[in-house]
Amino acid sequence: MTASRRNPPLNAAAILLACAALAACATPRYAARGDDRPRATRPATAPGGRVPATMRPYQVAGKWYTPRADPDYDEKGIASWYGEQFHNRNTANGEVFDMDLVTAAHKTLPLPSIVEVTDLDTGKKIRVRVNDRGPFVDGRIIDLSKGAAKKLGTYQRGVARVRVRYIGPG
């Protein structure tokens, strides 16, 4: 007789414990006061009053990010690109990442969004569909897919000074 047949209550307890552990991973925990959880903006709601998962505040490496619609978003900073290590993996909005498409990752813009990215050194502009979160490197404002970096002409340099301007929903 197997162990699972000999002790059904123990198996049920183990399953409940595993479910509780998984639920705890998905539920952010905050300090009572003095936490650094963003409070300034309220996420957009979907039909039925639900906040889409891609618009909920999230934490990476101890820092909180609050996604929000910002029709006036226009920022200058550093762009980088990502590719092989994430190819065929899911993006933050559940799409499969294809490094050869013209897509990007942004920390807070709604997913998906369209942005215009301008290389400040060459003046070249492209429109990119934002469908992922990142980059989580200080000083970087957008992570382009390998395909987007090639189209913009920044692939060989690895990083570039850019202007990112929100165009609208993707």
C-alpha atoms as a PDB file:
ATOM      1  CA  MET A   1       0.000   0.000   0.000  1.00  0.00           C
ATOM      2  CA  THR A   2       1.400   3.454  -0.904  1.00  0.00           C
ATOM      3  CA  ALA A   3       1.926   6.207   1.635  1.00  0.00           C
ATOM      4  CA  SER A   4      -0.824   8.272   0.012  1.00  0.00           C
ATOM      5  CA  ARG A   5      -3.385   5.555   0.643  1.00  0.00           C
ATOM      6  CA  ARG A   6      -2.276   5.021   4.233  1.00  0.00           C
ATOM      7  CA  ASN A   7      -2.625   8.655   5.363  1.00  0.00           C
ATOM      8  CA  PRO A   8      -5.205  10.649   3.329  1.00  0.00           C
ATOM      9  CA  PRO A   9      -5.472  13.506   5.908  1.00  0.00           C
ATOM     10  CA  LEU A  10      -1.710  14.085   5.665  1.00  0.00           C
ATOM     11  CA  ASN A  11      -1.952  14.291   1.865  1.00  0.00           C
ATOM     12  CA  ALA A  12      -4.836  16.763   2.060  1.00  0.00           C
ATOM     13  CA  ALA A  13      -2.871  18.898   4.522  1.00  0.00           C
ATOM     14  CA  ALA A  14       0.149  18.875   2.219  1.00  0.00           C
ATOM     15  CA  ILE A  15      -1.988  19.958  -0.736  1.00  0.00           C
ATOM     16  CA  LEU A  16      -3.589  22.768   1.278  1.00  0.00           C
ATOM     17  CA  LEU A  17      -0.169  23.915   2.492  1.00  0.00           C
ATOM     18  CA  ALA A  18       1.170  23.959  -1.077  1.00  0.00           C
ATOM     19  CA  CYS A  19      -1.863  25.988  -2.261  1.00  0.00           C
ATOM     20  CA  ALA A  20      -1.433  28.466   0.594  1.00  0.00           C
ATOM     21  CA  ALA A  21       2.256  28.870  -0.237  1.00  0.00           C
ATOM     22  CA  LEU A  22       1.460  29.559  -3.892  1.00  0.00           C
ATOM     23  CA  ALA A  23      -1.232  32.068  -2.948  1.00  0.00           C
ATOM     24  CA  ALA A  24       1.220  33.844  -0.640  1.00  0.00           C
ATOM     25  CA  CYS A  25       3.650  34.227  -3.534  1.00  0.00           C
ATOM     26  CA  ALA A  26       0.993  36.045  -5.523  1.00  0.00           C
ATOM     27  CA  THR A  27      -0.118  38.321  -2.698  1.00  0.00           C
ATOM     28  CA  PRO A  28       2.123  41.307  -1.911  1.00  0.00           C
ATOM     29  CA  ARG A  29       2.855  41.929   1.740  1.00  0.00           C
ATOM     30  CA  TYR A  30       3.420  45.410   3.079  1.00  0.00           C
ATOM     31  CA  ALA A  31       4.745  46.813   6.322  1.00  0.00           C
ATOM     32  CA  ALA A  32       2.102  48.419   8.520  1.00  0.00           C
ATOM     33  CA  ARG A  33       3.557  51.933   8.039  1.00  0.00           C
ATOM     34  CA  GLY A  34       6.668  53.317   6.476  1.00  0.00           C
ATOM     35  CA  ASP A  35       6.533  50.946   3.501  1.00  0.00           C
ATOM     36  CA  ASP A  36       7.516  52.181   0.065  1.00  0.00           C
ATOM     37  CA  ARG A  37       4.433  50.858  -1.701  1.00  0.00           C
ATOM     38  CA  PRO A  38       3.228  53.360  -4.303  1.00  0.00           C
ATOM     39  CA  ARG A  39       0.020  55.133  -3.368  1.00  0.00           C
ATOM     40  CA  ALA A  40      -0.099  58.149  -5.666  1.00  0.00           C
ATOM     41  CA  THR A  41      -2.088  56.648  -8.509  1.00  0.00           C
ATOM     42  CA  ARG A  42      -5.023  54.305  -8.781  1.00  0.00           C
ATOM     43  CA  PRO A  43      -4.755  51.599 -11.449  1.00  0.00           C
ATOM     44  CA  ALA A  44      -7.216  51.607 -14.337  1.00  0.00           C
ATOM     45  CA  THR A  45     -10.088  49.193 -13.940  1.00  0.00           C
ATOM     46  CA  ALA A  46     -11.380  46.674 -16.432  1.00  0.00           C
ATOM     47  CA  PRO A  47     -15.066  45.977 -17.038  1.00  0.00           C
ATOM     48  CA  GLY A  48     -16.652  44.807 -13.823  1.00  0.00           C
ATOM     49  CA  GLY A  49     -14.382  47.045 -11.714  1.00  0.00           C
ATOM     50  CA  ARG A  50     -11.412  44.648 -11.763  1.00  0.00           C
ATOM     51  CA  VAL A  51      -7.856  45.907 -12.059  1.00  0.00           C
ATOM     52  CA  PRO A  52      -6.014  44.052 -14.844  1.00  0.00           C
ATOM     53  CA  ALA A  53      -2.979  42.164 -13.561  1.00  0.00           C
ATOM     54  CA  THR A  54      -0.709  44.205 -15.838  1.00  0.00           C
ATOM     55  CA  MET A  55      -1.857  47.418 -14.106  1.00  0.00           C
ATOM     56  CA  ARG A  56      -1.321  46.351 -10.493  1.00  0.00           C
ATOM     57  CA  PRO A  57       1.630  47.716  -8.493  1.00  0.00           C
ATOM     58  CA  TYR A  58       4.528  45.253  -8.440  1.00  0.00           C
ATOM     59  CA  GLN A  59       7.927  44.969  -6.799  1.00  0.00           C
ATOM     60  CA  VAL A  60      11.301  44.069  -8.307  1.00  0.00           C
ATOM     61  CA  ALA A  61      14.495  43.960  -6.226  1.00  0.00           C
ATOM     62  CA  GLY A  62      12.805  45.823  -3.362  1.00  0.00           C
ATOM     63  CA  LYS A  63      11.542  48.697  -5.536  1.00  0.00           C
ATOM     64  CA  TRP A  64       7.839  49.308  -6.218  1.00  0.00           C
ATOM     65  CA  TYR A  65       6.434  50.228  -9.638  1.00  0.00           C
ATOM     66  CA  THR A  66       2.893  51.444 -10.297  1.00  0.00           C
ATOM     67  CA  PRO A  67       1.676  50.988 -13.864  1.00  0.00           C
ATOM     68  CA  ARG A  68      -0.626  53.758 -15.038  1.00  0.00           C
ATOM     69  CA  ALA A  69      -1.995  55.366 -18.153  1.00  0.00           C
ATOM     70  CA  ASP A  70      -0.023  58.529 -18.916  1.00  0.00           C
ATOM     71  CA  PRO A  71      -1.072  60.138 -22.210  1.00  0.00           C
ATOM     72  CA  ASP A  72       1.575  62.852 -21.687  1.00  0.00           C
ATOM     73  CA  TYR A  73       4.457  60.411 -21.116  1.00  0.00           C
ATOM     74  CA  ASP A  74       7.563  61.844 -22.802  1.00  0.00           C
ATOM     75  CA  GLU A  75      10.918  60.924 -21.292  1.00  0.00           C
ATOM     76  CA  LYS A  76      14.581  60.928 -22.262  1.00  0.00           C
ATOM     77  CA  GLY A  77      16.988  58.312 -20.985  1.00  0.00           C
ATOM     78  CA  ILE A  78      18.894  55.188 -21.879  1.00  0.00           C
ATOM     79  CA  ALA A  79      17.492  52.308 -23.926  1.00  0.00           C
ATOM     80  CA  SER A  80      18.945  48.824 -23.945  1.00  0.00           C
ATOM     81  CA  TRP A  81      17.804  45.691 -25.757  1.00  0.00           C
ATOM     82  CA  TYR A  82      17.021  42.109 -24.867  1.00  0.00           C
ATOM     83  CA  GLY A  83      16.751  38.988 -26.951  1.00  0.00           C
ATOM     84  CA  GLU A  84      17.976  35.404 -26.809  1.00  0.00           C
ATOM     85  CA  GLN A  85      17.656  34.846 -23.064  1.00  0.00           C
ATOM     86  CA  PHE A  86      13.910  35.665 -23.177  1.00  0.00           C
ATOM     87  CA  HIS A  87      13.028  34.395 -26.664  1.00  0.00           C
ATOM     88  CA  ASN A  88       9.863  32.227 -26.682  1.00  0.00           C
ATOM     89  CA  ARG A  89       9.136  33.008 -23.024  1.00  0.00           C
ATOM     90  CA  ASN A  90       5.987  34.788 -21.862  1.00  0.00           C
ATOM     91  CA  THR A  91       5.993  38.561 -21.561  1.00  0.00           C
ATOM     92  CA  ALA A  92       4.311  40.377 -18.675  1.00  0.00           C
ATOM     93  CA  ASN A  93       1.013  40.526 -20.569  1.00  0.00           C
ATOM     94  CA  GLY A  94       1.120  36.815 -21.449  1.00  0.00           C
ATOM     95  CA  GLU A  95       2.264  37.046 -25.061  1.00  0.00           C
ATOM     96  CA  VAL A  96       5.170  34.921 -26.234  1.00  0.00           C
ATOM     97  CA  PHE A  97       8.274  37.085 -26.660  1.00  0.00           C
ATOM     98  CA  ASP A  98       9.704  37.010 -30.171  1.00  0.00           C
ATOM     99  CA  MET A  99      13.046  38.791 -30.145  1.00  0.00           C
ATOM    100  CA  ASP A 100      12.768  39.540 -33.877  1.00  0.00           C
ATOM    101  CA  LEU A 101       9.529  41.542 -33.579  1.00  0.00           C
ATOM    102  CA  VAL A 102       9.468  45.289 -32.891  1.00  0.00           C
ATOM    103  CA  THR A 103       8.421  45.242 -29.229  1.00  0.00           C
ATOM    104  CA  ALA A 104       9.680  46.635 -25.937  1.00  0.00           C
ATOM    105  CA  ALA A 105       9.534  46.479 -22.156  1.00  0.00           C
ATOM    106  CA  HIS A 106       8.611  49.446 -19.960  1.00  0.00           C
ATOM    107  CA  LYS A 107       8.223  49.659 -16.185  1.00  0.00           C
ATOM    108  CA  THR A 108       4.895  51.507 -15.902  1.00  0.00           C
ATOM    109  CA  LEU A 109       3.093  52.186 -19.202  1.00  0.00           C
ATOM    110  CA  PRO A 110      -0.103  50.183 -19.834  1.00  0.00           C
ATOM    111  CA  LEU A 111       0.317  46.861 -21.615  1.00  0.00           C
ATOM    112  CA  PRO A 112       0.052  46.829 -24.531  1.00  0.00           C
ATOM    113  CA  SER A 113       0.964  50.379 -25.600  1.00  0.00           C
ATOM    114  CA  ILE A 114       2.505  52.016 -28.610  1.00  0.00           C
ATOM    115  CA  VAL A 115       5.439  54.374 -28.062  1.00  0.00           C
ATOM    116  CA  GLU A 116       7.653  56.354 -30.374  1.00  0.00           C
ATOM    117  CA  VAL A 117      11.352  55.823 -29.657  1.00  0.00           C
ATOM    118  CA  THR A 118      13.821  58.366 -31.033  1.00  0.00           C
ATOM    119  CA  ASP A 119      17.583  57.758 -31.059  1.00  0.00           C
ATOM    120  CA  LEU A 120      18.860  61.124 -29.800  1.00  0.00           C
ATOM    121  CA  ASP A 121      22.247  60.663 -31.505  1.00  0.00           C
ATOM    122  CA  THR A 122      20.909  59.887 -34.993  1.00  0.00           C
ATOM    123  CA  GLY A 123      17.380  61.330 -34.958  1.00  0.00           C
ATOM    124  CA  LYS A 124      15.957  58.032 -36.234  1.00  0.00           C
ATOM    125  CA  LYS A 125      12.451  57.203 -34.935  1.00  0.00           C
ATOM    126  CA  ILE A 126      10.429  54.009 -34.751  1.00  0.00           C
ATOM    127  CA  ARG A 127       7.104  53.016 -33.247  1.00  0.00           C
ATOM    128  CA  VAL A 128       7.262  50.095 -30.861  1.00  0.00           C
ATOM    129  CA  ARG A 129       4.605  47.973 -29.162  1.00  0.00           C
ATOM    130  CA  VAL A 130       5.219  47.721 -25.406  1.00  0.00           C
ATOM    131  CA  ASN A 131       4.140  44.288 -24.157  1.00  0.00           C
ATOM    132  CA  ASP A 132       6.545  43.540 -21.295  1.00  0.00           C
ATOM    133  CA  ARG A 133       7.927  44.963 -18.042  1.00  0.00           C
ATOM    134  CA  GLY A 134      11.463  46.234 -17.593  1.00  0.00           C
ATOM    135  CA  PRO A 135      14.238  47.254 -17.769  1.00  0.00           C
ATOM    136  CA  PHE A 136      15.149  46.926 -14.121  1.00  0.00           C
ATOM    137  CA  VAL A 137      18.576  48.513 -14.441  1.00  0.00           C
ATOM    138  CA  ASP A 138      19.040  51.985 -12.943  1.00  0.00           C
ATOM    139  CA  GLY A 139      19.003  54.756 -15.495  1.00  0.00           C
ATOM    140  CA  ARG A 140      17.336  52.769 -18.275  1.00  0.00           C
ATOM    141  CA  ILE A 141      13.843  53.738 -19.374  1.00  0.00           C
ATOM    142  CA  ILE A 142      13.033  51.143 -22.039  1.00  0.00           C
ATOM    143  CA  ASP A 143      14.229  47.716 -23.146  1.00  0.00           C
ATOM    144  CA  LEU A 144      13.845  47.169 -26.872  1.00  0.00           C
ATOM    145  CA  SER A 145      13.534  43.742 -28.429  1.00  0.00           C
ATOM    146  CA  LYS A 146      16.487  42.712 -30.584  1.00  0.00           C
ATOM    147  CA  GLY A 147      14.336  43.381 -33.674  1.00  0.00           C
ATOM    148  CA  ALA A 148      13.430  46.887 -32.481  1.00  0.00           C
ATOM    149  CA  ALA A 149      17.072  47.680 -31.633  1.00  0.00           C
ATOM    150  CA  LYS A 150      18.119  46.589 -35.130  1.00  0.00           C
ATOM    151  CA  LYS A 151      15.383  48.695 -36.755  1.00  0.00           C
ATOM    152  CA  LEU A 152      16.339  51.748 -34.677  1.00  0.00           C
ATOM    153  CA  GLY A 153      20.049  51.192 -35.360  1.00  0.00           C
ATOM    154  CA  THR A 154      21.076  50.728 -31.723  1.00  0.00           C
ATOM    155  CA  TYR A 155      21.686  46.969 -31.767  1.00  0.00           C
ATOM    156  CA  GLN A 156      25.466  47.122 -32.239  1.00  0.00           C
ATOM    157  CA  ARG A 157      25.907  49.794 -29.542  1.00  0.00           C
ATOM    158  CA  GLY A 158      23.895  47.850 -26.973  1.00  0.00           C
ATOM    159  CA  VAL A 159      22.567  51.000 -25.303  1.00  0.00           C
ATOM    160  CA  ALA A 160      21.504  54.363 -26.704  1.00  0.00           C
ATOM    161  CA  ARG A 161      20.292  57.769 -25.580  1.00  0.00           C
ATOM    162  CA  VAL A 162      16.612  57.905 -26.522  1.00  0.00           C
ATOM    163  CA  ARG A 163      13.382  59.822 -26.177  1.00  0.00           C
ATOM    164  CA  VAL A 164      10.301  57.697 -25.491  1.00  0.00           C
ATOM    165  CA  ARG A 165       6.906  59.246 -26.196  1.00  0.00           C
ATOM    166  CA  TYR A 166       3.558  57.533 -25.521  1.00  0.00           C
ATOM    167  CA  ILE A 167       1.363  57.288 -28.621  1.00  0.00           C
ATOM    168  CA  GLY A 168      -1.614  55.277 -27.344  1.00  0.00           C
ATOM    169  CA  PRO A 169      -3.005  51.840 -26.504  1.00  0.00           C
ATOM    170  CA  GLY A 170      -1.543  48.916 -28.402  1.00  0.00           C
END
